[in-house]
Amino acid sequence: MTMLFGLFFLLALASIGRDGRVLPAQGLLAAGCVAVAARGDVAIAAVLAALATNGAAWAGLRRLAPHETGGRGLPQPALIGILGGMVLVLLLLLALAAPSDLPMLMAAGVVLLGLCGAAQPAPLVQFVGLLGAVNGLIVLAGVLGNGMLLLAALLVWAALGALGVWLLPRLAWLRVDVPDEG
């Protein structure tokens, strides 16, 4: 269980500054984390929600993700977001250091990392960061067995989905082939 939560946490950390290609893996890991850490109706609903929401998000985002992956590395704001996320999670773990609550702390850490990803300058990366934070909320709801938190996470995801369908195709980061004037 700890290894699965650690992988989920590391994937959330590695996804800061990246586009939505990581969402299907995040969904699988989120569902696995809830499946091994919790039991009950809310846990089953959280597993299904993690799989469905991340699959739907990637289905919608894959046409918008850049196709070139050149070896340029991470941009400077992404490195700052990663370092800031690590500091925030370290402070969270130090403030609430209880070994029995490790799944809850790791899920809360994923929410913080998603919010650090949402502080990036590119709109697609911001959107994926917010979806990563919602993934953490879904896992947190499943681990805690809190149906209201799960409902709130799904409502946030629905609002992000509606906003993404309407706004993301209109933003300037989309590649537009403009003829050269010269």
N, C-alpha and C. Protein backbone atom coordinates (compact mmCIF):
# COMPACT_ATOMS: atom_id res chain seq x y z
N MET A 1 0.82 -1.18 0.00
CA MET A 1 0.00 0.00 0.00
C MET A 1 0.87 1.25 0.00
N THR A 2 1.87 1.29 0.82
CA THR A 2 2.74 2.45 0.90
C THR A 2 3.47 2.67 -0.42
N MET A 3 3.86 1.59 -1.06
CA MET A 3 4.57 1.71 -2.33
C MET A 3 3.65 2.29 -3.41
N LEU A 4 2.40 1.86 -3.43
CA LEU A 4 1.45 2.37 -4.40
C LEU A 4 1.18 3.86 -4.18
N PHE A 5 1.00 4.26 -2.92
CA PHE A 5 0.81 5.68 -2.62
C PHE A 5 2.07 6.47 -2.96
N GLY A 6 3.23 5.90 -2.73
CA GLY A 6 4.48 6.57 -3.09
C GLY A 6 4.59 6.78 -4.59
N LEU A 7 4.21 5.77 -5.37
CA LEU A 7 4.23 5.92 -6.84
C LEU A 7 3.25 7.00 -7.29
N PHE A 8 2.07 7.01 -6.68
CA PHE A 8 1.07 8.03 -7.01
C PHE A 8 1.60 9.42 -6.69
N PHE A 9 2.25 9.55 -5.55
CA PHE A 9 2.83 10.82 -5.13
C PHE A 9 3.96 11.25 -6.08
N LEU A 10 4.85 10.31 -6.43
CA LEU A 10 5.96 10.65 -7.33
C LEU A 10 5.46 11.01 -8.73
N LEU A 11 4.42 10.32 -9.20
CA LEU A 11 3.85 10.66 -10.50
C LEU A 11 3.23 12.05 -10.47
N ALA A 12 2.57 12.40 -9.36
CA ALA A 12 2.02 13.75 -9.24
C ALA A 12 3.14 14.79 -9.22
N LEU A 13 4.23 14.48 -8.58
CA LEU A 13 5.38 15.39 -8.55
C LEU A 13 6.00 15.52 -9.93
N ALA A 14 6.13 14.41 -10.63
CA ALA A 14 6.73 14.44 -11.97
C ALA A 14 5.83 15.08 -13.01
N SER A 15 4.53 15.17 -12.74
CA SER A 15 3.62 15.72 -13.74
C SER A 15 3.53 17.24 -13.69
N ILE A 16 4.19 17.88 -12.73
CA ILE A 16 4.18 19.35 -12.68
C ILE A 16 4.92 19.87 -13.90
N GLY A 17 4.27 20.73 -14.65
CA GLY A 17 4.87 21.31 -15.84
C GLY A 17 4.70 20.47 -17.09
N ARG A 18 3.92 19.41 -17.02
CA ARG A 18 3.71 18.52 -18.16
C ARG A 18 2.27 18.63 -18.65
N ASP A 19 2.02 18.13 -19.87
CA ASP A 19 0.66 18.14 -20.38
C ASP A 19 -0.10 16.92 -19.87
N GLY A 20 -1.27 16.66 -20.41
CA GLY A 20 -2.18 15.66 -19.87
C GLY A 20 -1.86 14.22 -20.15
N ARG A 21 -0.73 13.90 -20.75
CA ARG A 21 -0.42 12.49 -21.04
C ARG A 21 -0.30 11.63 -19.80
N VAL A 22 -0.10 12.25 -18.67
CA VAL A 22 0.08 11.52 -17.42
C VAL A 22 -1.26 11.16 -16.77
N LEU A 23 -2.36 11.72 -17.24
CA LEU A 23 -3.66 11.51 -16.60
C LEU A 23 -4.12 10.05 -16.55
N PRO A 24 -3.98 9.26 -17.62
CA PRO A 24 -4.41 7.86 -17.50
C PRO A 24 -3.63 7.09 -16.43
N ALA A 25 -2.34 7.32 -16.33
CA ALA A 25 -1.54 6.65 -15.29
C ALA A 25 -1.93 7.15 -13.91
N GLN A 26 -2.20 8.44 -13.78
CA GLN A 26 -2.66 8.97 -12.50
C GLN A 26 -3.99 8.35 -12.10
N GLY A 27 -4.88 8.19 -13.06
CA GLY A 27 -6.18 7.57 -12.76
C GLY A 27 -6.04 6.14 -12.29
N LEU A 28 -5.18 5.38 -12.96
CA LEU A 28 -4.97 3.99 -12.54
C LEU A 28 -4.35 3.91 -11.15
N LEU A 29 -3.36 4.75 -10.89
CA LEU A 29 -2.73 4.74 -9.57
C LEU A 29 -3.68 5.24 -8.48
N ALA A 30 -4.49 6.25 -8.80
CA ALA A 30 -5.47 6.75 -7.83
C ALA A 30 -6.48 5.65 -7.50
N ALA A 31 -6.97 4.97 -8.51
CA ALA A 31 -7.92 3.87 -8.27
C ALA A 31 -7.27 2.75 -7.47
N GLY A 32 -6.03 2.43 -7.78
CA GLY A 32 -5.32 1.40 -7.02
C GLY A 32 -5.10 1.79 -5.58
N CYS A 33 -4.76 3.05 -5.35
CA CYS A 33 -4.55 3.52 -3.98
C CYS A 33 -5.83 3.39 -3.15
N VAL A 34 -6.95 3.80 -3.71
CA VAL A 34 -8.21 3.71 -2.99
C VAL A 34 -8.59 2.24 -2.78
N ALA A 35 -8.35 1.42 -3.79
CA ALA A 35 -8.73 0.01 -3.70
C ALA A 35 -7.97 -0.73 -2.60
N VAL A 36 -6.70 -0.39 -2.38
CA VAL A 36 -5.94 -1.10 -1.36
C VAL A 36 -6.06 -0.47 0.02
N ALA A 37 -6.47 0.81 0.09
CA ALA A 37 -6.48 1.49 1.38
C ALA A 37 -7.86 1.57 2.03
N ALA A 38 -8.93 1.36 1.27
CA ALA A 38 -10.27 1.60 1.84
C ALA A 38 -11.25 0.53 1.36
N ARG A 39 -12.31 0.43 2.09
CA ARG A 39 -13.40 -0.48 1.76
C ARG A 39 -14.71 0.28 1.91
N GLY A 40 -15.74 -0.20 1.23
CA GLY A 40 -17.05 0.40 1.39
C GLY A 40 -17.57 1.00 0.09
N ASP A 41 -18.76 1.55 0.18
CA ASP A 41 -19.42 2.12 -1.00
C ASP A 41 -18.70 3.35 -1.53
N VAL A 42 -18.23 4.19 -0.63
CA VAL A 42 -17.54 5.41 -1.06
C VAL A 42 -16.22 5.04 -1.76
N ALA A 43 -15.54 4.03 -1.26
CA ALA A 43 -14.29 3.60 -1.89
C ALA A 43 -14.54 3.06 -3.30
N ILE A 44 -15.61 2.28 -3.45
CA ILE A 44 -15.94 1.76 -4.79
C ILE A 44 -16.27 2.91 -5.73
N ALA A 45 -17.06 3.87 -5.24
CA ALA A 45 -17.40 5.03 -6.06
C ALA A 45 -16.16 5.85 -6.39
N ALA A 46 -15.22 5.97 -5.46
CA ALA A 46 -13.99 6.72 -5.71
C ALA A 46 -13.12 6.02 -6.75
N VAL A 47 -13.05 4.70 -6.70
CA VAL A 47 -12.28 3.95 -7.71
C VAL A 47 -12.87 4.17 -9.09
N LEU A 48 -14.17 4.04 -9.19
CA LEU A 48 -14.83 4.25 -10.48
C LEU A 48 -14.68 5.69 -10.96
N ALA A 49 -14.78 6.64 -10.02
CA ALA A 49 -14.63 8.05 -10.38
C ALA A 49 -13.22 8.35 -10.87
N ALA A 50 -12.21 7.80 -10.21
CA ALA A 50 -10.82 8.04 -10.62
C ALA A 50 -10.58 7.51 -12.03
N LEU A 51 -11.08 6.34 -12.31
CA LEU A 51 -10.89 5.76 -13.65
C LEU A 51 -11.66 6.54 -14.71
N ALA A 52 -12.91 6.85 -14.43
CA ALA A 52 -13.76 7.52 -15.42
C ALA A 52 -13.32 8.96 -15.68
N THR A 53 -13.02 9.70 -14.64
CA THR A 53 -12.67 11.11 -14.83
C THR A 53 -11.34 11.27 -15.57
N ASN A 54 -10.36 10.47 -15.21
CA ASN A 54 -9.06 10.60 -15.89
C ASN A 54 -9.11 10.11 -17.32
N GLY A 55 -9.89 9.06 -17.56
CA GLY A 55 -10.06 8.60 -18.94
C GLY A 55 -10.77 9.64 -19.79
N ALA A 56 -11.81 10.24 -19.24
CA ALA A 56 -12.53 11.28 -19.98
C ALA A 56 -11.67 12.51 -20.19
N ALA A 57 -10.88 12.87 -19.19
CA ALA A 57 -10.02 14.05 -19.32
C ALA A 57 -8.98 13.83 -20.41
N TRP A 58 -8.36 12.66 -20.44
CA TRP A 58 -7.36 12.41 -21.47
C TRP A 58 -7.98 12.32 -22.85
N ALA A 59 -9.19 11.77 -22.93
CA ALA A 59 -9.88 11.71 -24.22
C ALA A 59 -10.13 13.11 -24.76
N GLY A 60 -10.44 14.04 -23.89
CA GLY A 60 -10.67 15.41 -24.32
C GLY A 60 -9.39 16.20 -24.56
N LEU A 61 -8.35 15.89 -23.80
CA LEU A 61 -7.11 16.68 -23.89
C LEU A 61 -6.12 16.18 -24.94
N ARG A 62 -6.25 14.94 -25.37
CA ARG A 62 -5.21 14.41 -26.25
C ARG A 62 -5.14 15.12 -27.58
N ARG A 63 -6.24 15.71 -28.02
CA ARG A 63 -6.19 16.47 -29.27
C ARG A 63 -5.53 17.84 -29.07
N LEU A 64 -5.44 18.28 -27.81
CA LEU A 64 -4.87 19.59 -27.53
C LEU A 64 -3.41 19.51 -27.09
N ALA A 65 -2.95 18.32 -26.69
CA ALA A 65 -1.57 18.18 -26.20
C ALA A 65 -0.59 18.34 -27.36
N PRO A 66 0.51 19.02 -27.11
CA PRO A 66 1.51 19.17 -28.17
C PRO A 66 2.08 17.82 -28.60
N HIS A 67 2.35 17.70 -29.88
CA HIS A 67 2.84 16.43 -30.40
C HIS A 67 4.35 16.33 -30.37
N GLU A 68 5.04 17.44 -30.24
CA GLU A 68 6.49 17.43 -30.19
C GLU A 68 6.93 17.30 -28.75
N THR A 69 7.82 16.38 -28.48
CA THR A 69 8.30 16.18 -27.11
C THR A 69 9.78 16.42 -26.99
N GLY A 70 10.39 17.19 -27.87
CA GLY A 70 11.82 17.40 -27.88
C GLY A 70 12.50 17.33 -26.52
N GLY A 71 13.77 17.09 -26.48
CA GLY A 71 14.48 16.90 -25.24
C GLY A 71 14.87 18.21 -24.57
N ARG A 72 13.98 19.15 -24.50
CA ARG A 72 14.30 20.45 -23.94
C ARG A 72 14.32 20.45 -22.42
N GLY A 73 13.72 19.50 -21.77
CA GLY A 73 13.67 19.49 -20.31
C GLY A 73 12.53 20.37 -19.81
N LEU A 74 12.49 20.56 -18.52
CA LEU A 74 11.42 21.34 -17.91
C LEU A 74 11.72 22.83 -17.98
N PRO A 75 10.69 23.64 -18.22
CA PRO A 75 10.90 25.08 -18.16
C PRO A 75 11.13 25.53 -16.72
N GLN A 76 11.72 26.71 -16.55
CA GLN A 76 12.05 27.22 -15.23
C GLN A 76 10.86 27.29 -14.28
N PRO A 77 9.66 27.76 -14.69
CA PRO A 77 8.54 27.79 -13.74
C PRO A 77 8.16 26.40 -13.24
N ALA A 78 8.34 25.37 -14.05
CA ALA A 78 8.02 24.02 -13.60
C ALA A 78 8.97 23.58 -12.50
N LEU A 79 10.24 23.93 -12.62
CA LEU A 79 11.20 23.57 -11.58
C LEU A 79 10.88 24.28 -10.28
N ILE A 80 10.47 25.53 -10.37
CA ILE A 80 10.08 26.28 -9.18
C ILE A 80 8.84 25.65 -8.56
N GLY A 81 7.88 25.22 -9.40
CA GLY A 81 6.68 24.56 -8.90
C GLY A 81 6.99 23.24 -8.22
N ILE A 82 7.92 22.49 -8.78
CA ILE A 82 8.31 21.20 -8.18
C ILE A 82 8.96 21.43 -6.82
N LEU A 83 9.88 22.39 -6.75
CA LEU A 83 10.54 22.68 -5.47
C LEU A 83 9.54 23.21 -4.45
N GLY A 84 8.64 24.09 -4.88
CA GLY A 84 7.62 24.61 -3.98
C GLY A 84 6.69 23.51 -3.49
N GLY A 85 6.33 22.61 -4.38
CA GLY A 85 5.48 21.48 -3.99
C GLY A 85 6.17 20.57 -2.99
N MET A 86 7.45 20.32 -3.19
CA MET A 86 8.19 19.48 -2.26
C MET A 86 8.25 20.13 -0.88
N VAL A 87 8.47 21.43 -0.84
CA VAL A 87 8.53 22.13 0.45
C VAL A 87 7.17 22.09 1.14
N LEU A 88 6.08 22.34 0.40
CA LEU A 88 4.75 22.30 1.00
C LEU A 88 4.41 20.92 1.54
N VAL A 89 4.73 19.88 0.79
CA VAL A 89 4.43 18.53 1.25
C VAL A 89 5.29 18.16 2.45
N LEU A 90 6.54 18.58 2.45
CA LEU A 90 7.40 18.32 3.61
C LEU A 90 6.84 18.99 4.85
N LEU A 91 6.39 20.24 4.71
CA LEU A 91 5.78 20.93 5.85
C LEU A 91 4.50 20.23 6.30
N LEU A 92 3.69 19.74 5.35
CA LEU A 92 2.48 19.01 5.70
C LEU A 92 2.81 17.74 6.47
N LEU A 93 3.80 17.00 6.00
CA LEU A 93 4.18 15.76 6.67
C LEU A 93 4.76 16.02 8.05
N LEU A 94 5.52 17.11 8.21
CA LEU A 94 6.07 17.44 9.52
C LEU A 94 4.99 17.91 10.49
N ALA A 95 4.00 18.62 9.96
CA ALA A 95 2.94 19.14 10.83
C ALA A 95 1.99 18.04 11.29
N LEU A 96 1.76 17.06 10.45
CA LEU A 96 0.79 16.01 10.76
C LEU A 96 1.44 14.64 10.80
N ALA A 97 2.60 14.54 11.36
CA ALA A 97 3.36 13.30 11.34
C ALA A 97 2.70 12.23 12.20
N ALA A 98 1.89 11.41 11.57
CA ALA A 98 1.27 10.27 12.23
C ALA A 98 1.35 9.10 11.25
N PRO A 99 2.15 8.10 11.54
CA PRO A 99 2.36 7.01 10.58
C PRO A 99 1.08 6.29 10.16
N SER A 100 0.08 6.25 11.03
CA SER A 100 -1.14 5.54 10.66
C SER A 100 -1.97 6.30 9.64
N ASP A 101 -1.73 7.59 9.51
CA ASP A 101 -2.47 8.41 8.56
C ASP A 101 -1.69 8.64 7.27
N LEU A 102 -0.75 7.78 6.94
CA LEU A 102 0.08 7.97 5.76
C LEU A 102 -0.73 8.05 4.47
N PRO A 103 -1.71 7.18 4.23
CA PRO A 103 -2.50 7.34 2.98
C PRO A 103 -3.19 8.69 2.89
N MET A 104 -3.74 9.16 3.99
CA MET A 104 -4.40 10.46 3.98
C MET A 104 -3.40 11.58 3.72
N LEU A 105 -2.23 11.50 4.32
CA LEU A 105 -1.22 12.54 4.11
C LEU A 105 -0.70 12.53 2.68
N MET A 106 -0.52 11.34 2.11
CA MET A 106 -0.06 11.27 0.72
C MET A 106 -1.10 11.82 -0.24
N ALA A 107 -2.39 11.53 0.01
CA ALA A 107 -3.45 12.07 -0.84
C ALA A 107 -3.51 13.59 -0.71
N ALA A 108 -3.37 14.11 0.50
CA ALA A 108 -3.34 15.56 0.69
C ALA A 108 -2.12 16.16 0.01
N GLY A 109 -1.00 15.44 0.02
CA GLY A 109 0.19 15.90 -0.68
C GLY A 109 -0.03 15.97 -2.18
N VAL A 110 -0.77 15.02 -2.73
CA VAL A 110 -1.07 15.04 -4.17
C VAL A 110 -1.95 16.25 -4.50
N VAL A 111 -2.88 16.60 -3.61
CA VAL A 111 -3.69 17.80 -3.82
C VAL A 111 -2.78 19.03 -3.85
N LEU A 112 -1.85 19.13 -2.91
CA LEU A 112 -0.92 20.26 -2.90
C LEU A 112 -0.05 20.30 -4.15
N LEU A 113 0.43 19.14 -4.60
CA LEU A 113 1.25 19.11 -5.81
C LEU A 113 0.44 19.52 -7.03
N GLY A 114 -0.82 19.11 -7.09
CA GLY A 114 -1.67 19.53 -8.19
C GLY A 114 -1.86 21.04 -8.20
N LEU A 115 -2.02 21.62 -7.03
CA LEU A 115 -2.17 23.08 -6.95
C LEU A 115 -0.87 23.78 -7.33
N CYS A 116 0.27 23.19 -7.01
CA CYS A 116 1.54 23.77 -7.45
C CYS A 116 1.67 23.67 -8.97
N GLY A 117 1.15 22.60 -9.55
CA GLY A 117 1.13 22.47 -11.00
C GLY A 117 0.21 23.48 -11.65
N ALA A 118 -0.85 23.85 -10.94
CA ALA A 118 -1.79 24.85 -11.48
C ALA A 118 -1.21 26.25 -11.44
N ALA A 119 -0.09 26.45 -10.79
CA ALA A 119 0.53 27.77 -10.73
C ALA A 119 1.51 28.01 -11.87
N GLN A 120 1.51 27.14 -12.86
CA GLN A 120 2.41 27.26 -14.00
C GLN A 120 1.85 28.26 -15.01
N PRO A 121 2.69 28.80 -15.89
CA PRO A 121 2.21 29.83 -16.82
C PRO A 121 1.36 29.32 -17.99
N ALA A 122 1.53 28.11 -18.44
CA ALA A 122 0.80 27.61 -19.62
C ALA A 122 -0.59 27.12 -19.21
N PRO A 123 -1.64 27.54 -19.91
CA PRO A 123 -3.01 27.15 -19.54
C PRO A 123 -3.25 25.64 -19.54
N LEU A 124 -2.68 24.90 -20.49
CA LEU A 124 -2.88 23.45 -20.51
C LEU A 124 -2.25 22.82 -19.27
N VAL A 125 -1.08 23.26 -18.90
CA VAL A 125 -0.40 22.73 -17.72
C VAL A 125 -1.17 23.10 -16.45
N GLN A 126 -1.71 24.31 -16.41
CA GLN A 126 -2.53 24.71 -15.27
C GLN A 126 -3.75 23.81 -15.14
N PHE A 127 -4.39 23.55 -16.24
CA PHE A 127 -5.59 22.72 -16.25
C PHE A 127 -5.26 21.30 -15.79
N VAL A 128 -4.18 20.74 -16.28
CA VAL A 128 -3.77 19.40 -15.86
C VAL A 128 -3.40 19.39 -14.38
N GLY A 129 -2.79 20.45 -13.89
CA GLY A 129 -2.50 20.56 -12.46
C GLY A 129 -3.76 20.55 -11.61
N LEU A 130 -4.78 21.28 -12.06
CA LEU A 130 -6.05 21.27 -11.33
C LEU A 130 -6.71 19.89 -11.36
N LEU A 131 -6.62 19.21 -12.50
CA LEU A 131 -7.16 17.85 -12.57
C LEU A 131 -6.37 16.91 -11.64
N GLY A 132 -5.07 17.12 -11.52
CA GLY A 132 -4.27 16.33 -10.59
C GLY A 132 -4.68 16.58 -9.15
N ALA A 133 -5.00 17.83 -8.82
CA ALA A 133 -5.49 18.14 -7.47
C ALA A 133 -6.82 17.45 -7.20
N VAL A 134 -7.69 17.40 -8.21
CA VAL A 134 -8.97 16.71 -8.05
C VAL A 134 -8.74 15.20 -7.88
N ASN A 135 -7.74 14.66 -8.56
CA ASN A 135 -7.38 13.25 -8.34
C ASN A 135 -7.03 13.00 -6.88
N GLY A 136 -6.26 13.91 -6.30
CA GLY A 136 -5.93 13.79 -4.89
C GLY A 136 -7.16 13.87 -4.00
N LEU A 137 -8.11 14.74 -4.36
CA LEU A 137 -9.34 14.85 -3.59
C LEU A 137 -10.17 13.57 -3.68
N ILE A 138 -10.20 12.95 -4.86
CA ILE A 138 -10.94 11.70 -5.03
C ILE A 138 -10.31 10.61 -4.16
N VAL A 139 -8.99 10.52 -4.16
CA VAL A 139 -8.31 9.52 -3.33
C VAL A 139 -8.54 9.82 -1.86
N LEU A 140 -8.45 11.08 -1.48
CA LEU A 140 -8.68 11.46 -0.09
C LEU A 140 -10.10 11.10 0.35
N ALA A 141 -11.08 11.34 -0.51
CA ALA A 141 -12.46 10.98 -0.19
C ALA A 141 -12.62 9.48 -0.05
N GLY A 142 -11.97 8.71 -0.91
CA GLY A 142 -12.06 7.25 -0.81
C GLY A 142 -11.39 6.71 0.44
N VAL A 143 -10.23 7.26 0.79
CA VAL A 143 -9.51 6.80 1.97
C VAL A 143 -10.28 7.15 3.24
N LEU A 144 -10.84 8.36 3.28
CA LEU A 144 -11.59 8.78 4.46
C LEU A 144 -13.00 8.18 4.50
N GLY A 145 -13.48 7.69 3.38
CA GLY A 145 -14.85 7.18 3.32
C GLY A 145 -15.87 8.30 3.40
N ASN A 146 -15.52 9.48 2.90
CA ASN A 146 -16.36 10.66 2.99
C ASN A 146 -17.08 10.88 1.65
N GLY A 147 -18.36 10.56 1.62
CA GLY A 147 -19.14 10.70 0.40
C GLY A 147 -19.33 12.15 -0.03
N MET A 148 -19.43 13.06 0.93
CA MET A 148 -19.61 14.47 0.59
C MET A 148 -18.35 15.05 -0.07
N LEU A 149 -17.17 14.64 0.40
CA LEU A 149 -15.93 15.08 -0.23
C LEU A 149 -15.83 14.52 -1.64
N LEU A 150 -16.25 13.29 -1.83
CA LEU A 150 -16.24 12.70 -3.17
C LEU A 150 -17.20 13.45 -4.08
N LEU A 151 -18.38 13.78 -3.58
CA LEU A 151 -19.34 14.54 -4.37
C LEU A 151 -18.78 15.92 -4.72
N ALA A 152 -18.14 16.57 -3.76
CA ALA A 152 -17.53 17.87 -4.02
C ALA A 152 -16.42 17.76 -5.07
N ALA A 153 -15.60 16.72 -4.99
CA ALA A 153 -14.53 16.51 -5.97
C ALA A 153 -15.12 16.29 -7.36
N LEU A 154 -16.19 15.52 -7.44
CA LEU A 154 -16.81 15.28 -8.74
C LEU A 154 -17.47 16.54 -9.30
N LEU A 155 -18.03 17.36 -8.43
CA LEU A 155 -18.59 18.64 -8.89
C LEU A 155 -17.49 19.58 -9.39
N VAL A 156 -16.35 19.59 -8.70
CA VAL A 156 -15.22 20.40 -9.16
C VAL A 156 -14.73 19.88 -10.50
N TRP A 157 -14.67 18.55 -10.64
CA TRP A 157 -14.24 17.97 -11.91
C TRP A 157 -15.22 18.33 -13.02
N ALA A 158 -16.51 18.27 -12.75
CA ALA A 158 -17.51 18.63 -13.76
C ALA A 158 -17.37 20.09 -14.17
N ALA A 159 -17.14 20.97 -13.20
CA ALA A 159 -16.95 22.38 -13.51
C ALA A 159 -15.68 22.58 -14.35
N LEU A 160 -14.60 21.89 -13.98
CA LEU A 160 -13.37 21.98 -14.77
C LEU A 160 -13.58 21.41 -16.17
N GLY A 161 -14.33 20.32 -16.26
CA GLY A 161 -14.60 19.74 -17.57
C GLY A 161 -15.39 20.69 -18.47
N ALA A 162 -16.41 21.32 -17.91
CA ALA A 162 -17.19 22.28 -18.70
C ALA A 162 -16.33 23.48 -19.10
N LEU A 163 -15.52 23.96 -18.18
CA LEU A 163 -14.63 25.08 -18.48
C LEU A 163 -13.60 24.68 -19.53
N GLY A 164 -13.08 23.48 -19.41
CA GLY A 164 -12.09 23.01 -20.37
C GLY A 164 -12.65 22.85 -21.77
N VAL A 165 -13.86 22.33 -21.87
CA VAL A 165 -14.48 22.16 -23.19
C VAL A 165 -14.73 23.51 -23.84
N TRP A 166 -15.11 24.49 -23.03
CA TRP A 166 -15.44 25.79 -23.59
C TRP A 166 -14.20 26.67 -23.80
N LEU A 167 -13.27 26.67 -22.85
CA LEU A 167 -12.20 27.66 -22.86
C LEU A 167 -10.89 27.17 -23.48
N LEU A 168 -10.49 25.95 -23.19
CA LEU A 168 -9.16 25.51 -23.64
C LEU A 168 -8.95 25.61 -25.15
N PRO A 169 -9.91 25.25 -26.00
CA PRO A 169 -9.64 25.39 -27.44
C PRO A 169 -9.47 26.84 -27.90
N ARG A 170 -9.89 27.79 -27.10
CA ARG A 170 -9.82 29.21 -27.49
C ARG A 170 -8.56 29.91 -27.01
N LEU A 171 -7.76 29.26 -26.20
CA LEU A 171 -6.60 29.92 -25.62
C LEU A 171 -5.43 29.99 -26.59
N ALA A 172 -4.52 30.89 -26.31
CA ALA A 172 -3.43 31.19 -27.23
C ALA A 172 -2.37 30.11 -27.32
N TRP A 173 -2.34 29.13 -26.39
CA TRP A 173 -1.27 28.16 -26.44
C TRP A 173 -1.49 27.14 -27.54
N LEU A 174 -2.69 27.12 -28.14
CA LEU A 174 -2.89 26.22 -29.25
C LEU A 174 -2.00 26.63 -30.42
N ARG A 175 -1.49 25.65 -31.08
CA ARG A 175 -0.59 25.92 -32.19
C ARG A 175 -1.41 26.35 -33.42
N VAL A 176 -1.08 27.50 -33.95
CA VAL A 176 -1.74 28.01 -35.13
C VAL A 176 -0.67 28.19 -36.19
N ASP A 177 -0.87 27.57 -37.34
CA ASP A 177 0.08 27.73 -38.42
C ASP A 177 -0.23 29.01 -39.18
N VAL A 178 0.53 30.05 -38.91
CA VAL A 178 0.36 31.34 -39.56
C VAL A 178 1.37 31.43 -40.69
N PRO A 179 0.91 31.80 -41.90
CA PRO A 179 1.86 31.91 -43.01
C PRO A 179 2.90 33.00 -42.73
N ASP A 180 4.11 32.74 -43.14
CA ASP A 180 5.21 33.69 -42.94
C ASP A 180 5.03 34.89 -43.85
N GLU A 181 5.17 36.09 -43.30
CA GLU A 181 4.99 37.33 -44.08
C GLU A 181 6.33 37.85 -44.56
N GLY A 182 6.91 37.25 -45.44
CA GLY A 182 8.18 37.82 -45.85
C GLY A 182 8.82 37.09 -46.88
